[in-house]
């Protein structure tokens, strides 16, 4: 399946529409991969080559699996993976960072109560 990249508000709207806002989604997979490791002196890790993949089973759209891929995640938190999502929010900051949250808002006072990711980019697809 083809990835859809989040670059604009219309991309966010398409994501929320096609995935039903991940309503009634359950987290079924998490992968964190860091491909920017360089041994030597000095030891260097390139944060731009890190990737976080979250896979969700969305029961409100006939049990489809949605994969979210975040490149260079700067900050992320996954909480209480035993409950389903009822709201999802995505925003793009003035500096171009993408924020995803399993709440109705990406504002810090809301997103930090649940799961969220702040990254340099986000893409998604159906599996």
Protein backbone atom coordinates (compact mmCIF):
# COMPACT_ATOMS: atom_id res chain seq x y z
CA UNK A 1 0.00 0.00 0.00
CA UNK A 2 1.06 3.54 -0.70
CA UNK A 3 2.16 5.91 2.05
CA UNK A 4 0.38 9.24 2.44
CA UNK A 5 2.62 12.02 3.78
CA UNK A 6 1.34 14.73 6.11
CA UNK A 7 2.48 18.10 4.73
CA UNK A 8 -0.59 20.31 5.02
CA UNK A 9 -4.00 20.72 6.62
CA UNK A 10 -5.61 18.98 3.64
CA UNK A 11 -3.31 15.98 4.26
CA UNK A 12 -4.41 15.95 7.90
CA UNK A 13 -8.07 16.14 6.87
CA UNK A 14 -7.61 13.22 4.46
CA UNK A 15 -5.90 11.17 7.18
CA UNK A 16 -8.65 11.83 9.72
CA UNK A 17 -11.38 11.14 7.16
CA UNK A 18 -9.93 7.93 5.68
CA UNK A 19 -8.96 6.44 9.05
CA UNK A 20 -12.11 7.64 10.85
CA UNK A 21 -9.81 9.56 13.19
CA UNK A 22 -8.52 6.19 14.46
CA UNK A 23 -11.77 5.98 16.44
CA UNK A 24 -11.97 2.64 18.27
CA UNK A 25 -8.34 1.84 17.41
CA UNK A 26 -6.15 -0.45 19.45
CA UNK A 27 -2.36 -0.31 19.40
CA UNK A 28 -1.11 -3.66 18.06
CA UNK A 29 2.52 -2.88 17.19
CA UNK A 30 5.38 -0.52 17.98
CA UNK A 31 8.79 -0.44 16.28
CA UNK A 32 11.56 2.04 16.95
CA UNK A 33 14.50 1.82 14.56
CA UNK A 34 17.60 3.96 14.64
CA UNK A 35 19.65 3.68 11.45
CA UNK A 36 22.01 6.59 12.05
CA UNK A 37 24.60 4.91 14.23
CA UNK A 38 28.25 5.64 13.45
CA UNK A 39 31.04 4.16 15.51
CA UNK A 40 34.26 6.05 15.82
CA UNK A 41 35.72 8.98 17.60
CA UNK A 42 33.51 10.79 18.32
CA UNK A 43 30.60 8.36 18.56
CA UNK A 44 27.67 9.84 16.60
CA UNK A 45 23.99 9.07 16.33
CA UNK A 46 22.05 10.93 13.62
CA UNK A 47 18.56 11.65 15.01
CA UNK A 48 17.20 12.33 11.52
CA UNK A 49 17.55 8.64 10.69
CA UNK A 50 15.38 7.39 13.55
CA UNK A 51 11.92 6.04 12.79
CA UNK A 52 8.94 5.20 14.99
CA UNK A 53 6.21 2.95 13.55
CA UNK A 54 2.84 2.50 15.25
CA UNK A 55 0.29 -0.01 13.97
CA UNK A 56 -3.35 0.34 14.95
CA UNK A 57 -6.29 -2.02 14.49
CA UNK A 58 -9.23 0.28 13.76
CA UNK A 59 -12.47 -1.54 14.53
CA UNK A 60 -14.70 1.35 13.43
CA UNK A 61 -13.58 0.85 9.80
CA UNK A 62 -14.05 -2.90 9.49
CA UNK A 63 -10.92 -3.97 11.40
CA UNK A 64 -8.42 -2.31 9.08
CA UNK A 65 -4.82 -1.89 10.20
CA UNK A 66 -3.31 1.57 9.90
CA UNK A 67 0.43 2.16 10.15
CA UNK A 68 1.78 5.55 11.22
CA UNK A 69 5.46 6.23 10.53
CA UNK A 70 7.25 9.12 12.21
CA UNK A 71 10.71 10.16 11.01
CA UNK A 72 13.13 11.71 13.51
CA UNK A 73 10.79 11.57 16.50
CA UNK A 74 11.92 14.30 18.88
CA UNK A 75 9.55 13.40 21.70
CA UNK A 76 7.07 10.57 22.13
CA UNK A 77 5.03 8.87 24.78
CA UNK A 78 2.80 5.81 24.61
CA UNK A 79 0.38 5.34 27.48
CA UNK A 80 -2.06 2.63 28.51
CA UNK A 81 -2.10 0.54 25.35
CA UNK A 82 -5.06 -1.50 26.64
CA UNK A 83 -7.74 1.02 25.73
CA UNK A 84 -9.14 2.19 22.43
CA UNK A 85 -8.69 5.64 20.96
CA UNK A 86 -11.78 7.83 20.78
CA UNK A 87 -10.17 11.02 19.41
CA UNK A 88 -7.12 11.76 17.28
CA UNK A 89 -5.50 15.09 16.51
CA UNK A 90 -2.68 16.03 14.14
CA UNK A 91 -1.10 19.44 13.67
CA UNK A 92 1.88 21.03 11.99
CA UNK A 93 3.85 23.62 13.95
CA UNK A 94 5.19 26.87 12.51
CA UNK A 95 8.64 25.25 12.38
CA UNK A 96 7.25 22.32 10.36
CA UNK A 97 7.15 19.65 13.05
CA UNK A 98 4.24 17.20 13.00
CA UNK A 99 2.40 16.47 16.24
CA UNK A 100 0.09 13.46 16.56
CA UNK A 101 -1.97 12.81 19.71
CA UNK A 102 -4.62 10.33 20.77
CA UNK A 103 -6.75 13.17 22.08
CA UNK A 104 -8.92 15.90 20.60
CA UNK A 105 -6.04 18.40 20.70
CA UNK A 106 -2.27 18.47 20.21
CA UNK A 107 -1.88 21.22 22.83
CA UNK A 108 0.61 20.16 25.55
CA UNK A 109 -1.94 20.23 28.36
CA UNK A 110 -4.03 17.61 26.52
CA UNK A 111 -1.53 15.49 24.60
CA UNK A 112 0.65 14.75 27.62
CA UNK A 113 -2.28 12.98 29.30
CA UNK A 114 -2.18 10.25 26.63
CA UNK A 115 -0.06 9.02 23.77
CA UNK A 116 1.62 11.48 21.41
CA UNK A 117 4.50 11.91 18.98
CA UNK A 118 6.38 15.03 17.87
CA UNK A 119 8.49 14.37 14.77
CA UNK A 120 9.97 16.01 11.70
CA UNK A 121 7.58 14.07 9.45
CA UNK A 122 4.66 11.67 9.47
CA UNK A 123 3.25 9.32 6.88
CA UNK A 124 0.53 6.68 7.06
CA UNK A 125 -0.94 3.78 5.12
CA UNK A 126 -3.37 0.90 5.34
CA UNK A 127 -1.72 -2.51 5.67
